[in-house]
Each structure stands twice: as structure tokens, then as C-alpha cells.
Amino acid sequence: MPRLGEPAPEFIAETTHGEIKLSDYRDKKWVVLFSHPADFTPVCTTEFVAFSKAYPEFEKRNVALIGLSVDSSSSHLAWIRDIEEKLGVHVPFPVIADLDTGVASLYGMIQPAMSSTAACRAVFFIDPKGILRAMIYYPLTTGRCIAEILRVIDALQVNDTHHVATPANWKPGDKVIVPAPKTQKEMEEREKVTGPDKKTWYLLMKDL
């Protein structure tokens, strides 16, 4: 299993857009790598439609989307064409063909208690330095919320840019959290702060 704060496992893979390497995106883009159980399945189809419709929002955030399932390129291509023909949605991102489960195994996408052959619905957030920053796993039966995936990207980018944390249910435009004091001196300085954004000495909110 990959671990947060460590380099995301490198891979070279065949995709619907040709061969790609994770390192191709290094120093250029964030990456959201997500797996789905299988092509031509109902929940996965709704997710691909949702990801495709939100693709411009990922582009605005400098995020590359990469899909994956334990299917062949020919299956991916047929499914993508079917989505476009039947649902009128173009799938703009590459989809990894992972028949040998090489990438899925690197990222712990195969959860044996769920299925020994299909990848679960995993999402990996990788920053431009190649560091794994967040990950979410869903069961095969539960479709993902694309708005939450975008929210996580927004939060991570705000964390990096402003060196702050984000509270529960945060969304862009909400107040953020000033890091808690780490020393007694910092705590004493925090005690002098007044105003409605100060909840207690260790919880101070602010607008960006």
C-alpha cells in the first residue's frame, strides 16, 4: 500500500492515449489517479460521465486525470466510444489498461475481500513533486462524488500556497485555520489575539 507523504509509486503504462509514465507529470501537474472496477458497468459509466463533464474544472486546477481498470485497451476504447455514442459525452482523459494488475497492485487497488480481479474505486492525489498527498477508497457499489475530489484538490493547493489548514466541510471562500502554536511562547502570543475568529488558543480562523 502506498503511504501519504511519500513518493507515489512510479509506473509506465499503456493507455487509451498511448504510453504514459507517472514521472511525465513531475514538476508540471497535479495528478488524480483513479481506478474503477470494470468497463461497461453502470456505476463506472456514471462516474466517467461525471469526471468528463468536470474535466475543465480539473484543468483549471492544473490537474491531470488518469483512469484505470483491469481491462484491455480495446475494451476501454469500445466503452469510451459507447459512452460518446449513447450518452453524448466525450472522455478526454487517458485510461490505463492494466490486465496484469501491475499498477493496481502497486497502489493497493485490489481489495481481496471485495474482489480478487477488479480494482475498487480508489482515488490518489499526487502533487507536482510526485508526492502522494491524499487517497480515498470506495467500495464497488458506491459511486464517487466529483465535487469532493475537486474540494480535496482545492484544500491541498490552499495548504501549499498559504501554509494553513482547512476545517471540516471547508470549501473555497470559507475561513481557513491558522496553524496551532508549537511552543509556549507562541501559545502566549496567541492568547493576546482577540476577535470572533479566535475560538480558543489552539483554534484560530482567518480569511485568505
C-alpha atoms as a PDB file:
ATOM      1  CA  MET A   1       0.000   0.000   0.000  1.00  0.00           C
ATOM      2  CA  PRO A   2       1.328   3.475  -0.799  1.00  0.00           C
ATOM      3  CA  ARG A   3       1.692   5.882   2.100  1.00  0.00           C
ATOM      4  CA  LEU A   4       0.855   9.559   2.423  1.00  0.00           C
ATOM      5  CA  GLY A   5       3.768  11.958   2.300  1.00  0.00           C
ATOM      6  CA  GLU A   6       5.951   9.536   0.346  1.00  0.00           C
ATOM      7  CA  PRO A   7       6.692   9.434  -3.396  1.00  0.00           C
ATOM      8  CA  ALA A   8       3.837   7.876  -5.342  1.00  0.00           C
ATOM      9  CA  PRO A   9       4.909   4.578  -6.949  1.00  0.00           C
ATOM     10  CA  GLU A  10       6.304   5.150 -10.436  1.00  0.00           C
ATOM     11  CA  PHE A  11       4.730   3.301 -13.348  1.00  0.00           C
ATOM     12  CA  ILE A  12       4.861   3.029 -17.113  1.00  0.00           C
ATOM     13  CA  ALA A  13       1.528   2.013 -18.612  1.00  0.00           C
ATOM     14  CA  GLU A  14      -0.358   1.562 -21.852  1.00  0.00           C
ATOM     15  CA  THR A  15      -3.376   3.854 -22.034  1.00  0.00           C
ATOM     16  CA  THR A  16      -6.051   4.995 -24.452  1.00  0.00           C
ATOM     17  CA  HIS A  17      -3.760   7.978 -25.163  1.00  0.00           C
ATOM     18  CA  GLY A  18      -0.635   5.875 -25.685  1.00  0.00           C
ATOM     19  CA  GLU A  19       2.118   5.011 -23.222  1.00  0.00           C
ATOM     20  CA  ILE A  20       2.493   7.264 -20.196  1.00  0.00           C
ATOM     21  CA  LYS A  21       4.782   7.423 -17.163  1.00  0.00           C
ATOM     22  CA  LEU A  22       3.821   8.996 -13.873  1.00  0.00           C
ATOM     23  CA  SER A  23       7.092  10.921 -13.993  1.00  0.00           C
ATOM     24  CA  ASP A  24       5.892  12.602 -17.219  1.00  0.00           C
ATOM     25  CA  TYR A  25       3.846  14.886 -14.959  1.00  0.00           C
ATOM     26  CA  ARG A  26       6.627  15.649 -12.470  1.00  0.00           C
ATOM     27  CA  ASP A  27       7.160  19.403 -11.942  1.00  0.00           C
ATOM     28  CA  LYS A  28       4.264  20.082 -14.315  1.00  0.00           C
ATOM     29  CA  LYS A  29       0.909  18.978 -12.935  1.00  0.00           C
ATOM     30  CA  TRP A  30      -1.018  17.513 -10.062  1.00  0.00           C
ATOM     31  CA  VAL A  31      -2.331  14.038 -10.852  1.00  0.00           C
ATOM     32  CA  VAL A  32      -5.609  12.441  -9.794  1.00  0.00           C
ATOM     33  CA  LEU A  33      -5.234   8.716 -10.483  1.00  0.00           C
ATOM     34  CA  PHE A  34      -8.489   6.835 -10.044  1.00  0.00           C
ATOM     35  CA  SER A  35      -9.464   3.212 -10.538  1.00  0.00           C
ATOM     36  CA  HIS A  36     -12.798   1.677 -11.476  1.00  0.00           C
ATOM     37  CA  PRO A  37     -13.893  -1.977 -11.275  1.00  0.00           C
ATOM     38  CA  ALA A  38     -14.673  -2.646 -14.945  1.00  0.00           C
ATOM     39  CA  ASP A  39     -15.682  -1.210 -18.307  1.00  0.00           C
ATOM     40  CA  PHE A  40     -19.319  -1.394 -19.448  1.00  0.00           C
ATOM     41  CA  THR A  41     -20.633  -1.327 -15.873  1.00  0.00           C
ATOM     42  CA  PRO A  42     -23.388   1.048 -14.709  1.00  0.00           C
ATOM     43  CA  VAL A  43     -21.772   2.838 -11.747  1.00  0.00           C
ATOM     44  CA  CYS A  44     -18.459   3.247 -13.570  1.00  0.00           C
ATOM     45  CA  THR A  45     -20.260   4.710 -16.573  1.00  0.00           C
ATOM     46  CA  THR A  46     -21.901   7.373 -14.411  1.00  0.00           C
ATOM     47  CA  GLU A  47     -18.517   8.200 -12.904  1.00  0.00           C
ATOM     48  CA  PHE A  48     -16.810   8.524 -16.279  1.00  0.00           C
ATOM     49  CA  VAL A  49     -19.582  10.841 -17.426  1.00  0.00           C
ATOM     50  CA  ALA A  50     -19.180  12.923 -14.242  1.00  0.00           C
ATOM     51  CA  PHE A  51     -15.376  13.057 -14.467  1.00  0.00           C
ATOM     52  CA  SER A  52     -15.595  14.021 -18.143  1.00  0.00           C
ATOM     53  CA  LYS A  53     -18.103  16.820 -17.514  1.00  0.00           C
ATOM     54  CA  ALA A  54     -15.906  18.169 -14.701  1.00  0.00           C
ATOM     55  CA  TYR A  55     -12.710  17.900 -16.767  1.00  0.00           C
ATOM     56  CA  PRO A  56     -12.482  21.693 -17.363  1.00  0.00           C
ATOM     57  CA  GLU A  57     -12.544  22.212 -13.584  1.00  0.00           C
ATOM     58  CA  PHE A  58      -9.614  19.827 -13.167  1.00  0.00           C
ATOM     59  CA  GLU A  59      -7.761  21.645 -15.946  1.00  0.00           C
ATOM     60  CA  LYS A  60      -8.292  24.993 -14.156  1.00  0.00           C
ATOM     61  CA  ARG A  61      -6.536  23.487 -11.141  1.00  0.00           C
ATOM     62  CA  ASN A  62      -3.651  22.143 -13.260  1.00  0.00           C
ATOM     63  CA  VAL A  63      -4.728  18.559 -12.578  1.00  0.00           C
ATOM     64  CA  ALA A  64      -4.210  15.617 -14.943  1.00  0.00           C
ATOM     65  CA  LEU A  65      -6.885  12.916 -14.632  1.00  0.00           C
ATOM     66  CA  ILE A  66      -5.828   9.299 -15.231  1.00  0.00           C
ATOM     67  CA  GLY A  67      -8.289   6.403 -15.056  1.00  0.00           C
ATOM     68  CA  LEU A  68      -7.511   2.711 -14.625  1.00  0.00           C
ATOM     69  CA  SER A  69      -9.198  -0.665 -14.614  1.00  0.00           C
ATOM     70  CA  VAL A  70      -8.131  -4.265 -15.079  1.00  0.00           C
ATOM     71  CA  ASP A  71      -9.314  -4.260 -18.698  1.00  0.00           C
ATOM     72  CA  SER A  72      -7.647  -4.098 -22.102  1.00  0.00           C
ATOM     73  CA  SER A  73      -7.132  -1.017 -24.251  1.00  0.00           C
ATOM     74  CA  SER A  74      -9.578  -2.377 -26.822  1.00  0.00           C
ATOM     75  CA  SER A  75     -12.240  -2.737 -24.111  1.00  0.00           C
ATOM     76  CA  HIS A  76     -11.543   0.800 -22.879  1.00  0.00           C
ATOM     77  CA  LEU A  77     -11.813   2.199 -26.392  1.00  0.00           C
ATOM     78  CA  ALA A  78     -15.065   0.390 -27.123  1.00  0.00           C
ATOM     79  CA  TRP A  79     -16.577   1.575 -23.834  1.00  0.00           C
ATOM     80  CA  ILE A  80     -15.438   5.166 -24.362  1.00  0.00           C
ATOM     81  CA  ARG A  81     -16.956   5.127 -27.845  1.00  0.00           C
ATOM     82  CA  ASP A  82     -20.184   3.708 -26.427  1.00  0.00           C
ATOM     83  CA  ILE A  83     -20.340   6.483 -23.801  1.00  0.00           C
ATOM     84  CA  GLU A  84     -19.927   9.087 -26.528  1.00  0.00           C
ATOM     85  CA  GLU A  85     -22.475   7.482 -28.845  1.00  0.00           C
ATOM     86  CA  LYS A  86     -25.140   6.644 -26.253  1.00  0.00           C
ATOM     87  CA  LEU A  87     -24.692   9.413 -23.695  1.00  0.00           C
ATOM     88  CA  GLY A  88     -23.178  12.182 -25.805  1.00  0.00           C
ATOM     89  CA  VAL A  89     -20.133  12.634 -23.545  1.00  0.00           C
ATOM     90  CA  HIS A  90     -16.530  12.704 -24.771  1.00  0.00           C
ATOM     91  CA  VAL A  91     -13.998  11.146 -22.362  1.00  0.00           C
ATOM     92  CA  PRO A  92     -10.943  13.439 -22.555  1.00  0.00           C
ATOM     93  CA  PHE A  93      -8.508  11.737 -20.163  1.00  0.00           C
ATOM     94  CA  PRO A  94      -6.328   8.616 -20.595  1.00  0.00           C
ATOM     95  CA  VAL A  95      -7.419   5.268 -19.172  1.00  0.00           C
ATOM     96  CA  ILE A  96      -4.751   2.749 -18.199  1.00  0.00           C
ATOM     97  CA  ALA A  97      -5.079  -0.820 -19.469  1.00  0.00           C
ATOM     98  CA  ASP A  98      -3.924  -2.897 -16.505  1.00  0.00           C
ATOM     99  CA  LEU A  99      -4.659  -6.507 -17.429  1.00  0.00           C
ATOM    100  CA  ASP A 100      -1.662  -7.775 -15.456  1.00  0.00           C
ATOM    101  CA  THR A 101      -2.724  -5.656 -12.427  1.00  0.00           C
ATOM    102  CA  GLY A 102       0.773  -4.159 -12.298  1.00  0.00           C
ATOM    103  CA  VAL A 103      -0.307  -0.604 -11.462  1.00  0.00           C
ATOM    104  CA  ALA A 104      -3.303  -1.746  -9.419  1.00  0.00           C
ATOM    105  CA  SER A 105      -1.021  -3.848  -7.225  1.00  0.00           C
ATOM    106  CA  LEU A 106       1.462  -1.004  -6.733  1.00  0.00           C
ATOM    107  CA  TYR A 107      -1.341   1.198  -5.418  1.00  0.00           C
ATOM    108  CA  GLY A 108      -3.299  -1.385  -3.426  1.00  0.00           C
ATOM    109  CA  MET A 109      -6.340  -1.022  -5.678  1.00  0.00           C
ATOM    110  CA  ILE A 110      -7.206  -4.719  -5.481  1.00  0.00           C
ATOM    111  CA  GLN A 111      -9.025  -5.389  -2.216  1.00  0.00           C
ATOM    112  CA  PRO A 112      -9.425  -9.197  -2.000  1.00  0.00           C
ATOM    113  CA  ALA A 113     -12.452  -9.111   0.298  1.00  0.00           C
ATOM    114  CA  MET A 114     -14.259  -7.059  -2.338  1.00  0.00           C
ATOM    115  CA  SER A 115     -12.909  -8.758  -5.492  1.00  0.00           C
ATOM    116  CA  SER A 116      -9.775 -10.636  -6.460  1.00  0.00           C
ATOM    117  CA  THR A 117      -9.929  -9.453 -10.068  1.00  0.00           C
ATOM    118  CA  ALA A 118     -11.499  -5.951 -10.079  1.00  0.00           C
ATOM    119  CA  ALA A 119      -9.993  -2.737  -8.738  1.00  0.00           C
ATOM    120  CA  CYS A 120     -12.006  -0.934  -6.095  1.00  0.00           C
ATOM    121  CA  ARG A 121     -12.870   2.743  -6.527  1.00  0.00           C
ATOM    122  CA  ALA A 122      -9.604   4.274  -5.316  1.00  0.00           C
ATOM    123  CA  VAL A 123      -8.519   7.889  -5.794  1.00  0.00           C
ATOM    124  CA  PHE A 124      -4.920   9.077  -5.376  1.00  0.00           C
ATOM    125  CA  PHE A 125      -3.923  12.755  -5.210  1.00  0.00           C
ATOM    126  CA  ILE A 126      -0.317  13.273  -6.310  1.00  0.00           C
ATOM    127  CA  ASP A 127       1.353  16.682  -6.239  1.00  0.00           C
ATOM    128  CA  PRO A 128       3.772  18.061  -8.865  1.00  0.00           C
ATOM    129  CA  LYS A 129       6.716  16.828  -6.802  1.00  0.00           C
ATOM    130  CA  GLY A 130       5.388  13.284  -7.168  1.00  0.00           C
ATOM    131  CA  ILE A 131       4.329  13.015  -3.511  1.00  0.00           C
ATOM    132  CA  LEU A 132       1.150  11.165  -2.585  1.00  0.00           C
ATOM    133  CA  ARG A 133      -0.886  13.738  -0.662  1.00  0.00           C
ATOM    134  CA  ALA A 134      -4.273  12.087  -0.144  1.00  0.00           C
ATOM    135  CA  MET A 135      -6.170   8.938  -1.054  1.00  0.00           C
ATOM    136  CA  ILE A 136      -9.773   7.774  -0.822  1.00  0.00           C
ATOM    137  CA  TYR A 137     -11.161   4.259  -1.229  1.00  0.00           C
ATOM    138  CA  TYR A 138     -14.781   3.402  -2.037  1.00  0.00           C
ATOM    139  CA  PRO A 139     -16.458   0.003  -2.407  1.00  0.00           C
ATOM    140  CA  LEU A 140     -17.531  -1.252  -5.825  1.00  0.00           C
ATOM    141  CA  THR A 141     -21.155  -0.328  -5.151  1.00  0.00           C
ATOM    142  CA  THR A 142     -20.629   3.354  -4.252  1.00  0.00           C
ATOM    143  CA  GLY A 143     -20.105   5.965  -6.945  1.00  0.00           C
ATOM    144  CA  ARG A 144     -17.747   8.820  -6.125  1.00  0.00           C
ATOM    145  CA  CYS A 145     -18.631  12.478  -5.543  1.00  0.00           C
ATOM    146  CA  ILE A 146     -16.602  14.506  -8.050  1.00  0.00           C
ATOM    147  CA  ALA A 147     -17.243  17.719  -6.098  1.00  0.00           C
ATOM    148  CA  GLU A 148     -15.451  16.177  -3.102  1.00  0.00           C
ATOM    149  CA  ILE A 149     -12.460  15.224  -5.247  1.00  0.00           C
ATOM    150  CA  LEU A 150     -12.238  18.807  -6.516  1.00  0.00           C
ATOM    151  CA  ARG A 151     -12.627  20.069  -2.935  1.00  0.00           C
ATOM    152  CA  VAL A 152      -9.684  17.963  -1.778  1.00  0.00           C
ATOM    153  CA  ILE A 153      -7.532  19.365  -4.593  1.00  0.00           C
ATOM    154  CA  ASP A 154      -8.578  22.911  -3.648  1.00  0.00           C
ATOM    155  CA  ALA A 155      -7.736  22.272   0.007  1.00  0.00           C
ATOM    156  CA  LEU A 156      -4.324  20.774  -0.769  1.00  0.00           C
ATOM    157  CA  GLN A 157      -3.436  23.665  -3.059  1.00  0.00           C
ATOM    158  CA  VAL A 158      -4.543  26.217  -0.444  1.00  0.00           C
ATOM    159  CA  ASN A 159      -2.483  24.367   2.180  1.00  0.00           C
ATOM    160  CA  ASP A 160       0.614  24.597  -0.008  1.00  0.00           C
ATOM    161  CA  THR A 161       0.147  28.201  -1.111  1.00  0.00           C
ATOM    162  CA  HIS A 162      -0.874  29.774   2.208  1.00  0.00           C
ATOM    163  CA  HIS A 163       0.536  27.314   4.795  1.00  0.00           C
ATOM    164  CA  VAL A 164      -2.818  26.937   6.510  1.00  0.00           C
ATOM    165  CA  ALA A 165      -5.188  24.086   7.286  1.00  0.00           C
ATOM    166  CA  THR A 166      -8.811  23.704   6.245  1.00  0.00           C
ATOM    167  CA  PRO A 167     -11.655  22.903   8.664  1.00  0.00           C
ATOM    168  CA  ALA A 168     -14.443  20.360   8.332  1.00  0.00           C
ATOM    169  CA  ASN A 169     -16.723  20.998   5.350  1.00  0.00           C
ATOM    170  CA  TRP A 170     -14.366  23.700   4.045  1.00  0.00           C
ATOM    171  CA  LYS A 171     -14.877  24.957   0.521  1.00  0.00           C
ATOM    172  CA  PRO A 172     -13.152  27.755  -1.405  1.00  0.00           C
ATOM    173  CA  GLY A 173     -14.053  31.141   0.065  1.00  0.00           C
ATOM    174  CA  ASP A 174     -14.535  29.817   3.610  1.00  0.00           C
ATOM    175  CA  LYS A 175     -12.279  30.747   6.509  1.00  0.00           C
ATOM    176  CA  VAL A 176      -9.150  28.671   6.999  1.00  0.00           C
ATOM    177  CA  ILE A 177      -7.293  27.587  10.145  1.00  0.00           C
ATOM    178  CA  VAL A 178      -4.061  29.228  11.285  1.00  0.00           C
ATOM    179  CA  PRO A 179      -1.579  26.541  12.403  1.00  0.00           C
ATOM    180  CA  ALA A 180      -1.693  25.896  16.139  1.00  0.00           C
ATOM    181  CA  PRO A 181       1.145  27.197  18.349  1.00  0.00           C
ATOM    182  CA  LYS A 182       4.058  24.807  18.729  1.00  0.00           C
ATOM    183  CA  THR A 183       5.855  26.432  21.659  1.00  0.00           C
ATOM    184  CA  GLN A 184       4.881  28.046  24.937  1.00  0.00           C
ATOM    185  CA  LYS A 185       5.953  31.443  23.604  1.00  0.00           C
ATOM    186  CA  GLU A 186       3.751  31.044  20.531  1.00  0.00           C
ATOM    187  CA  MET A 187       0.861  29.983  22.785  1.00  0.00           C
ATOM    188  CA  GLU A 188       1.300  33.098  24.917  1.00  0.00           C
ATOM    189  CA  GLU A 189       1.302  35.277  21.803  1.00  0.00           C
ATOM    190  CA  ARG A 190      -1.853  33.571  20.610  1.00  0.00           C
ATOM    191  CA  GLU A 191      -3.547  34.329  23.931  1.00  0.00           C
ATOM    192  CA  LYS A 192      -3.236  38.044  23.098  1.00  0.00           C
ATOM    193  CA  VAL A 193      -5.282  37.645  19.905  1.00  0.00           C
ATOM    194  CA  THR A 194      -8.899  38.773  20.187  1.00  0.00           C
ATOM    195  CA  GLY A 195     -11.926  38.710  17.922  1.00  0.00           C
ATOM    196  CA  PRO A 196     -14.623  36.310  16.746  1.00  0.00           C
ATOM    197  CA  ASP A 197     -12.199  34.236  14.649  1.00  0.00           C
ATOM    198  CA  LYS A 198     -10.357  33.119  17.778  1.00  0.00           C
ATOM    199  CA  LYS A 199     -12.262  30.140  19.224  1.00  0.00           C
ATOM    200  CA  THR A 200      -9.556  29.179  21.709  1.00  0.00           C
ATOM    201  CA  TRP A 201      -5.765  29.425  21.861  1.00  0.00           C
ATOM    202  CA  TYR A 202      -5.280  26.485  19.518  1.00  0.00           C
ATOM    203  CA  LEU A 203      -8.148  27.233  17.088  1.00  0.00           C
ATOM    204  CA  LEU A 204      -7.829  30.486  15.173  1.00  0.00           C
ATOM    205  CA  MET A 205      -9.654  31.068  11.913  1.00  0.00           C
ATOM    206  CA  LYS A 206      -8.952  33.682   9.251  1.00  0.00           C
ATOM    207  CA  ASP A 207      -9.969  34.770   5.771  1.00  0.00           C
ATOM    208  CA  LEU A 208      -7.477  34.335   2.972  1.00  0.00           C
END
